[in-house]
Amino acid sequence: MSSGISSQYGFLYQRKIFILHSLENAGTKQLLTFEGKDDIDVGSDDKIYAINSGNTYVQVKSGHVNKECFSRIICNWLLLDDCKTANFELALENDLNFTFLSEEVANIIVEYVSSGKTKKRNSIANRTYEKYFNQRAIQAEAFASEIFSILSHVRIVVRSMDAVDNQLANIFCDTYCPDIIEYPMAKEKRAERFIQYINDEIDSALKEKKAYVLIYQDFMRLIVKVTEEISDNKYTIDTYAFKKRSAVEARELVDNRELREVKQLFLVDASDKFVIRGIVNKLLYKDFRNIYASQKTTEISNLEQNAKENFESALFSLNENDMTPKSLYTKTVEQQIENNLLPEGMMYRNGCYVYLTGASIDEDFQITWGEDYEHQ
């Protein structure tokens, strides 16, 4: 795994642990803080993120944790003012390959802190050295004893990324989706929307170089918001936010030039901007379709049959001299799709037409703007 991908994967894992922790500890006294523990001696791949909840301090690390990384984690806790009375949890993707509650590990941490004397100023090792060896003038043996005491209060929880995803889905759906009965997919979408909103707020905080703080009132505000947006009878989405999130995926699909939908759109207009917009619309329609496809098969079928009939009507209305992929596309997408299930808006309508140009679409529903060989 490359450095950049590894860093992104680790960040994703850390965020999911934070969200899972917020669900597991939901309560009126809830106040959770998510922040990076910066250490100028390490790169972004080795960055550790911390979750603070009352008197409990959680640190999160994906990948594998060696003894040096473990020493940094313990040093973060040693720097706390209440480290002697606090509770500690280490959330890991992979289990440790050594026994951490041992005198050997305590002595390794002492050596790591001692090395802080020559480390860069403000590194975790240097700050811990300053606190214990300079300010307190503690002896190594006594320091090792304090470290061992902290180690005895450390709880380690190991969860794979898949396990975290499953726990997130199960807790959220069981607790916050009892009203959804007809459409199981709506539960998943509500959970995804909640996670998305938390991630958006984390992004905003980190851009301002601040810790992200989640209090109970804000937690419940997001729960109420996603409950109002997604239910058995309603599925609403912030289309502007969806466009921003889907732009990267759409760009990749367009750059690959493999999807039939992409090839068909290029026949209409050769600009990447136009094709990307069309693919974003298709992704929006597909997101909506996935909610109802299993339960409202007749309604979805009627909706897409109506779209195909609009296409055939446009095809019939154009004479041979006027027939081009662009004219056929324009004539088709300007027509409304008569169906109460489809949300209002040009994006959904356009997305449905683009979706029906896909290679996997049954020929009774498939739409074709032109022959692929026309696009070189």
Protein backbone atom coordinates (compact mmCIF):
# COMPACT_ATOMS: atom_id res chain seq x y z
CA MET A 1 0.00 0.00 0.00
CA SER A 2 1.48 3.34 -1.04
CA SER A 3 2.18 6.05 1.54
CA GLY A 4 -0.70 8.27 0.40
CA ILE A 5 -3.26 5.44 0.27
CA SER A 6 -2.07 4.09 3.62
CA SER A 7 -2.49 7.53 5.18
CA GLN A 8 -6.03 7.93 3.78
CA TYR A 9 -6.97 4.42 4.91
CA GLY A 10 -5.70 5.12 8.40
CA PHE A 11 -7.59 8.39 8.59
CA LEU A 12 -10.79 6.64 7.46
CA TYR A 13 -10.34 3.96 10.12
CA GLN A 14 -9.77 6.56 12.83
CA ARG A 15 -12.88 8.52 11.86
CA LYS A 16 -15.04 5.40 11.88
CA ILE A 17 -13.82 4.48 15.36
CA PHE A 18 -14.77 7.99 16.51
CA ILE A 19 -18.27 7.66 15.05
CA LEU A 20 -18.66 4.17 16.53
CA HIS A 21 -17.55 5.51 19.91
CA SER A 22 -20.13 8.28 19.69
CA LEU A 23 -22.88 5.72 19.04
CA GLU A 24 -21.71 3.39 21.81
CA ASN A 25 -21.56 6.22 24.34
CA ALA A 26 -24.58 8.30 23.37
CA GLY A 27 -25.95 10.06 26.43
CA THR A 28 -26.93 13.45 27.79
CA LYS A 29 -23.44 14.00 29.25
CA GLN A 30 -21.69 13.08 26.04
CA LEU A 31 -18.82 15.27 24.92
CA LEU A 32 -16.42 13.67 22.47
CA THR A 33 -13.31 15.28 21.04
CA PHE A 34 -11.50 14.11 17.92
CA GLU A 35 -8.04 15.52 17.31
CA GLY A 36 -4.70 14.61 15.81
CA LYS A 37 -1.75 14.03 18.10
CA ASP A 38 0.98 15.80 16.15
CA ASP A 39 4.57 14.68 16.39
CA ILE A 40 7.08 16.47 14.20
CA ASP A 41 9.31 13.38 14.33
CA VAL A 42 6.88 11.21 12.35
CA GLY A 43 5.16 11.32 8.96
CA SER A 44 1.42 11.41 8.27
CA ASP A 45 1.20 7.61 7.95
CA ASP A 46 2.15 7.26 11.62
CA LYS A 47 -0.16 9.96 12.91
CA ILE A 48 -2.26 8.96 15.90
CA TYR A 49 -5.76 10.32 16.47
CA ALA A 50 -7.27 10.67 19.91
CA ILE A 51 -10.84 10.59 21.18
CA ASN A 52 -11.54 12.14 24.55
CA SER A 53 -14.77 11.32 26.38
CA GLY A 54 -14.94 12.60 29.93
CA ASN A 55 -12.24 10.82 31.91
CA THR A 56 -11.62 8.26 29.14
CA TYR A 57 -8.91 8.81 26.57
CA VAL A 58 -8.96 6.73 23.40
CA GLN A 59 -6.18 6.59 20.85
CA VAL A 60 -6.73 5.04 17.44
CA LYS A 61 -4.19 3.43 15.13
CA SER A 62 -4.66 1.45 11.95
CA GLY A 63 -2.01 -0.83 10.50
CA HIS A 64 0.51 -2.48 12.80
CA VAL A 65 1.85 -0.97 16.01
CA ASN A 66 5.46 -1.69 16.95
CA LYS A 67 7.08 -0.89 20.29
CA GLU A 68 8.25 2.56 19.19
CA CYS A 69 4.78 3.53 18.02
CA PHE A 70 3.34 2.09 21.25
CA SER A 71 5.81 4.24 23.21
CA ARG A 72 4.51 7.37 21.44
CA ILE A 73 0.94 6.37 22.31
CA ILE A 74 1.78 5.98 25.99
CA CYS A 75 3.68 9.29 25.94
CA ASN A 76 0.54 11.06 24.71
CA TRP A 77 -1.19 9.81 27.85
CA LEU A 78 1.77 10.63 30.09
CA LEU A 79 1.47 14.26 28.98
CA LEU A 80 -2.09 14.49 30.35
CA ASP A 81 -2.58 16.32 33.63
CA ASP A 82 -4.89 13.57 34.94
CA CYS A 83 -2.95 10.59 33.62
CA LYS A 84 -2.88 8.94 37.07
CA THR A 85 -6.68 8.85 37.40
CA ALA A 86 -7.84 8.56 33.80
CA ASN A 87 -9.05 5.52 31.86
CA PHE A 88 -7.28 4.58 28.65
CA GLU A 89 -8.36 2.69 25.56
CA LEU A 90 -6.27 1.81 22.54
CA ALA A 91 -8.36 1.05 19.44
CA LEU A 92 -6.36 -1.02 16.97
CA GLU A 93 -6.98 -2.55 13.59
CA ASN A 94 -4.45 -5.31 14.29
CA ASP A 95 -3.47 -6.87 17.60
CA LEU A 96 -0.08 -6.17 19.15
CA ASN A 97 2.60 -8.77 18.50
CA PHE A 98 4.06 -8.30 21.99
CA THR A 99 2.82 -8.36 25.58
CA PHE A 100 2.43 -4.70 26.52
CA LEU A 101 1.85 -5.14 30.26
CA SER A 102 5.40 -6.01 31.20
CA GLU A 103 8.43 -4.46 32.84
CA GLU A 104 10.30 -4.91 29.56
CA VAL A 105 7.87 -2.66 27.68
CA ALA A 106 7.85 -0.15 30.55
CA ASN A 107 11.64 0.07 30.35
CA ILE A 108 11.50 0.44 26.54
CA ILE A 109 9.18 3.43 27.03
CA VAL A 110 11.61 4.91 29.58
CA GLU A 111 14.40 4.59 27.01
CA TYR A 112 12.19 6.20 24.36
CA VAL A 113 11.47 9.16 26.65
CA SER A 114 15.15 9.44 27.62
CA SER A 115 16.02 9.74 23.93
CA GLY A 116 13.77 12.82 23.86
CA LYS A 117 16.63 14.83 25.33
CA THR A 118 18.24 14.94 21.88
CA LYS A 119 15.03 14.90 19.82
CA LYS A 120 13.49 17.90 18.13
CA ARG A 121 11.83 20.35 20.43
CA ASN A 122 8.07 19.78 20.77
CA SER A 123 8.31 16.18 19.58
CA ILE A 124 6.31 13.82 21.80
CA ALA A 125 9.50 12.25 23.17
CA ASN A 126 11.03 15.66 23.90
CA ARG A 127 7.92 17.02 25.62
CA THR A 128 7.61 13.91 27.77
CA TYR A 129 11.30 14.11 28.67
CA GLU A 130 10.90 17.76 29.68
CA LYS A 131 7.89 17.01 31.88
CA TYR A 132 9.32 14.03 33.75
CA PHE A 133 13.10 14.27 33.71
CA ASN A 134 13.59 18.06 33.73
CA GLN A 135 10.59 19.47 35.56
CA ARG A 136 9.97 16.61 37.95
CA ALA A 137 13.54 15.21 37.97
CA ILE A 138 12.11 11.73 38.30
CA GLN A 139 14.46 8.74 38.48
CA ALA A 140 14.28 6.13 35.73
CA GLU A 141 13.19 3.35 38.07
CA ALA A 142 10.36 5.42 39.57
CA PHE A 143 9.33 6.54 36.08
CA ALA A 144 9.16 2.92 34.91
CA SER A 145 6.88 2.19 37.86
CA GLU A 146 4.52 5.03 36.88
CA ILE A 147 4.46 3.80 33.30
CA PHE A 148 3.64 0.25 34.44
CA SER A 149 0.77 1.65 36.48
CA ILE A 150 -0.64 3.38 33.40
CA LEU A 151 -0.19 0.23 31.31
CA SER A 152 -2.29 -1.68 33.86
CA HIS A 153 -5.18 0.70 33.13
CA VAL A 154 -4.99 0.37 29.34
CA ARG A 155 -7.81 -1.45 27.58
CA ILE A 156 -7.01 -2.65 24.07
CA VAL A 157 -9.83 -3.18 21.58
CA VAL A 158 -8.98 -4.80 18.23
CA ARG A 159 -11.39 -4.36 15.33
CA SER A 160 -10.84 -4.83 11.61
CA MET A 161 -12.26 -2.23 9.23
CA ASP A 162 -15.03 -4.67 8.26
CA ALA A 163 -15.85 -5.30 11.92
CA VAL A 164 -16.08 -1.54 12.55
CA ASP A 165 -18.39 -1.12 9.54
CA ASN A 166 -20.65 -3.95 10.77
CA GLN A 167 -20.81 -2.58 14.31
CA LEU A 168 -21.57 0.92 13.02
CA ALA A 169 -24.40 -0.36 10.83
CA ASN A 170 -25.87 -2.66 13.49
CA ILE A 171 -25.84 -0.12 16.33
CA PHE A 172 -27.18 2.72 14.20
CA CYS A 173 -29.90 0.70 12.46
CA ASP A 174 -31.08 -1.03 15.65
CA THR A 175 -31.17 2.19 17.67
CA TYR A 176 -32.08 4.92 15.21
CA CYS A 177 -34.09 3.19 12.45
CA PRO A 178 -37.01 1.42 14.19
CA ASP A 179 -39.42 3.51 12.10
CA ILE A 180 -38.13 2.06 8.81
CA ILE A 181 -40.07 -1.12 8.06
CA GLU A 182 -40.68 -1.38 4.32
CA TYR A 183 -37.27 -0.53 2.87
CA PRO A 184 -34.21 -2.08 4.58
CA MET A 185 -31.93 -0.16 2.19
CA ALA A 186 -33.29 3.07 3.67
CA LYS A 187 -31.71 2.07 6.99
CA GLU A 188 -28.31 1.76 5.33
CA LYS A 189 -28.77 5.08 3.57
CA ARG A 190 -29.73 6.81 6.81
CA ALA A 191 -26.63 5.39 8.51
CA GLU A 192 -24.45 6.47 5.57
CA ARG A 193 -25.96 9.97 5.70
CA PHE A 194 -25.23 10.25 9.44
CA ILE A 195 -21.61 9.17 8.91
CA GLN A 196 -21.31 11.63 6.02
CA TYR A 197 -22.53 14.53 8.16
CA ILE A 198 -20.07 13.69 10.96
CA ASN A 199 -17.24 13.48 8.42
CA ASP A 200 -18.23 16.84 6.93
CA GLU A 201 -18.07 18.45 10.37
CA ILE A 202 -14.70 16.82 11.10
CA ASP A 203 -13.39 18.17 7.78
CA SER A 204 -14.56 21.67 8.64
CA ALA A 205 -12.85 21.55 12.04
CA LEU A 206 -9.59 20.16 10.69
CA LYS A 207 -9.46 22.77 7.92
CA GLU A 208 -9.49 25.38 10.66
CA LYS A 209 -6.82 23.35 12.53
CA LYS A 210 -9.19 22.76 15.42
CA ALA A 211 -10.21 19.67 17.31
CA TYR A 212 -13.70 18.42 16.47
CA VAL A 213 -16.03 18.42 19.46
CA LEU A 214 -19.31 16.49 19.43
CA ILE A 215 -21.74 17.19 22.26
CA TYR A 216 -24.98 15.32 22.86
CA GLN A 217 -27.18 18.13 21.52
CA ASP A 218 -25.29 18.18 18.21
CA PHE A 219 -25.33 14.38 18.06
CA MET A 220 -29.12 14.37 18.39
CA ARG A 221 -29.45 17.26 15.93
CA LEU A 222 -27.82 15.07 13.28
CA ILE A 223 -29.96 12.07 14.25
CA VAL A 224 -33.14 14.14 13.86
CA LYS A 225 -31.90 15.55 10.56
CA VAL A 226 -31.22 12.17 8.93
CA THR A 227 -34.48 10.76 10.34
CA GLU A 228 -36.43 13.57 8.67
CA GLU A 229 -34.53 13.16 5.40
CA ILE A 230 -34.79 9.37 4.99
CA SER A 231 -37.75 7.18 5.92
CA ASP A 232 -40.12 4.65 4.37
CA ASN A 233 -42.02 7.50 2.75
CA LYS A 234 -39.30 10.02 2.06
CA TYR A 235 -35.83 10.20 0.57
CA THR A 236 -34.33 13.66 0.31
CA ILE A 237 -30.77 14.58 -0.45
CA ASP A 238 -28.65 17.69 -0.60
CA THR A 239 -27.96 17.57 -4.32
CA TYR A 240 -25.23 20.22 -4.11
CA ALA A 241 -23.35 18.22 -1.49
CA PHE A 242 -23.90 15.01 -3.49
CA LYS A 243 -22.45 16.61 -6.60
CA LYS A 244 -19.33 17.65 -4.70
CA ARG A 245 -18.85 14.18 -3.17
CA SER A 246 -19.50 12.35 -6.45
CA ALA A 247 -17.31 14.53 -8.66
CA VAL A 248 -14.14 12.53 -7.98
CA GLU A 249 -15.81 9.18 -8.72
CA ALA A 250 -17.40 10.61 -11.86
CA ARG A 251 -14.06 11.99 -13.05
CA GLU A 252 -12.44 8.58 -12.62
CA LEU A 253 -15.22 6.85 -14.55
CA VAL A 254 -14.96 9.40 -17.36
CA ASP A 255 -11.17 9.15 -17.52
CA ASN A 256 -11.39 5.35 -17.82
CA ARG A 257 -13.62 5.66 -20.89
CA GLU A 258 -15.00 2.15 -20.30
CA LEU A 259 -18.64 2.59 -19.30
CA ARG A 260 -21.20 2.59 -22.09
CA GLU A 261 -22.86 5.56 -20.38
CA VAL A 262 -19.63 7.54 -20.73
CA LYS A 263 -19.15 6.61 -24.37
CA GLN A 264 -22.74 7.53 -25.16
CA LEU A 265 -22.43 10.92 -23.49
CA PHE A 266 -19.26 11.68 -25.44
CA LEU A 267 -21.28 11.16 -28.63
CA VAL A 268 -23.58 13.95 -27.45
CA ASP A 269 -20.87 16.38 -26.35
CA ALA A 270 -17.11 15.80 -26.44
CA SER A 271 -16.34 17.98 -23.42
CA ASP A 272 -15.31 16.25 -20.21
CA LYS A 273 -17.33 18.75 -18.17
CA PHE A 274 -20.58 17.72 -19.86
CA VAL A 275 -19.88 14.01 -19.50
CA ILE A 276 -18.85 14.30 -15.84
CA ARG A 277 -22.07 16.20 -15.10
CA GLY A 278 -24.06 13.45 -16.80
CA ILE A 279 -22.32 10.72 -14.80
CA VAL A 280 -22.87 12.60 -11.53
CA ASN A 281 -26.58 12.75 -12.41
CA LYS A 282 -26.55 9.03 -13.14
CA LEU A 283 -24.95 8.32 -9.75
CA LEU A 284 -27.64 10.46 -8.08
CA TYR A 285 -30.43 8.52 -9.81
CA LYS A 286 -28.78 5.19 -8.99
CA ASP A 287 -28.49 6.22 -5.33
CA PHE A 288 -32.25 6.91 -5.31
CA ARG A 289 -33.02 3.73 -7.27
CA ASN A 290 -31.16 1.49 -4.84
CA ILE A 291 -33.56 2.49 -2.07
CA TYR A 292 -36.67 1.22 -3.82
CA ALA A 293 -35.49 -1.35 -6.37
CA SER A 294 -36.23 -4.43 -4.25
CA GLN A 295 -39.66 -3.38 -2.89
CA LYS A 296 -41.11 -1.09 -5.57
CA THR A 297 -40.13 -3.11 -8.62
CA THR A 298 -43.32 -2.26 -10.50
CA GLU A 299 -43.01 1.47 -9.83
CA ILE A 300 -39.35 1.50 -10.88
CA SER A 301 -40.16 -0.52 -13.98
CA ASN A 302 -42.98 1.86 -14.93
CA LEU A 303 -40.73 4.87 -14.32
CA GLU A 304 -37.99 3.56 -16.60
CA GLN A 305 -40.50 2.37 -19.18
CA ASN A 306 -41.87 5.90 -19.31
CA ALA A 307 -38.33 7.22 -19.83
CA LYS A 308 -37.79 4.76 -22.68
CA GLU A 309 -41.09 5.83 -24.28
CA ASN A 310 -39.95 9.47 -24.09
CA PHE A 311 -36.78 8.45 -25.90
CA GLU A 312 -38.75 6.65 -28.61
CA SER A 313 -41.04 9.66 -28.96
CA ALA A 314 -38.01 11.91 -29.49
CA LEU A 315 -36.57 9.42 -31.96
CA PHE A 316 -39.82 9.44 -33.96
CA SER A 317 -40.14 13.26 -33.92
CA LEU A 318 -36.74 13.94 -35.49
CA ASN A 319 -36.33 13.65 -39.24
CA GLU A 320 -33.27 12.03 -40.76
CA ASN A 321 -31.51 15.32 -41.50
CA ASP A 322 -31.88 16.53 -37.91
CA MET A 323 -30.95 13.23 -36.31
CA THR A 324 -27.73 13.51 -34.31
CA PRO A 325 -26.80 12.12 -30.88
CA LYS A 326 -27.02 15.64 -29.48
CA SER A 327 -30.43 16.44 -30.93
CA LEU A 328 -31.81 13.07 -29.82
CA TYR A 329 -30.42 13.55 -26.33
CA THR A 330 -31.77 17.10 -26.05
CA LYS A 331 -35.20 16.12 -27.31
CA THR A 332 -35.35 13.23 -24.88
CA VAL A 333 -34.15 14.79 -21.63
CA GLU A 334 -36.39 17.83 -21.95
CA GLN A 335 -39.38 15.53 -21.48
CA GLN A 336 -40.79 14.96 -17.99
CA ILE A 337 -40.88 11.42 -16.63
CA GLU A 338 -44.41 10.95 -15.33
CA ASN A 339 -43.97 9.14 -12.03
CA ASN A 340 -44.75 10.10 -8.44
CA LEU A 341 -41.82 8.11 -7.07
CA LEU A 342 -39.04 10.04 -8.82
CA PRO A 343 -37.97 13.18 -6.90
CA GLU A 344 -38.43 16.45 -8.71
CA GLY A 345 -35.51 18.07 -10.46
CA MET A 346 -33.56 17.94 -13.68
CA MET A 347 -30.69 16.01 -12.11
CA TYR A 348 -32.83 12.98 -11.29
CA ARG A 349 -34.56 13.04 -14.69
CA ASN A 350 -31.31 13.42 -16.59
CA GLY A 351 -29.71 10.77 -14.38
CA CYS A 352 -32.44 8.28 -15.21
CA TYR A 353 -31.94 8.75 -18.96
CA VAL A 354 -28.16 8.37 -18.61
CA TYR A 355 -28.58 5.30 -16.38
CA LEU A 356 -30.65 3.63 -19.09
CA THR A 357 -27.74 3.91 -21.56
CA GLY A 358 -25.77 1.42 -19.44
CA ALA A 359 -24.48 -1.83 -20.94
CA SER A 360 -26.31 -4.00 -18.38
CA ILE A 361 -29.74 -2.48 -19.09
CA ASP A 362 -32.30 -4.81 -20.70
CA GLU A 363 -32.76 -3.98 -24.36
CA ASP A 364 -36.44 -3.25 -23.75
CA PHE A 365 -35.35 -0.29 -21.60
CA GLN A 366 -31.92 0.59 -22.98
CA ILE A 367 -31.38 3.98 -24.59
CA THR A 368 -28.85 4.72 -27.33
CA TRP A 369 -27.89 8.23 -28.45
CA GLY A 370 -25.69 6.94 -31.28
CA GLU A 371 -23.26 4.26 -32.36
CA ASP A 372 -20.09 3.99 -30.27
CA TYR A 373 -17.84 3.89 -33.32
CA GLU A 374 -18.69 7.55 -33.89
CA HIS A 375 -16.61 8.44 -30.79
CA GLN A 376 -12.93 8.03 -31.39
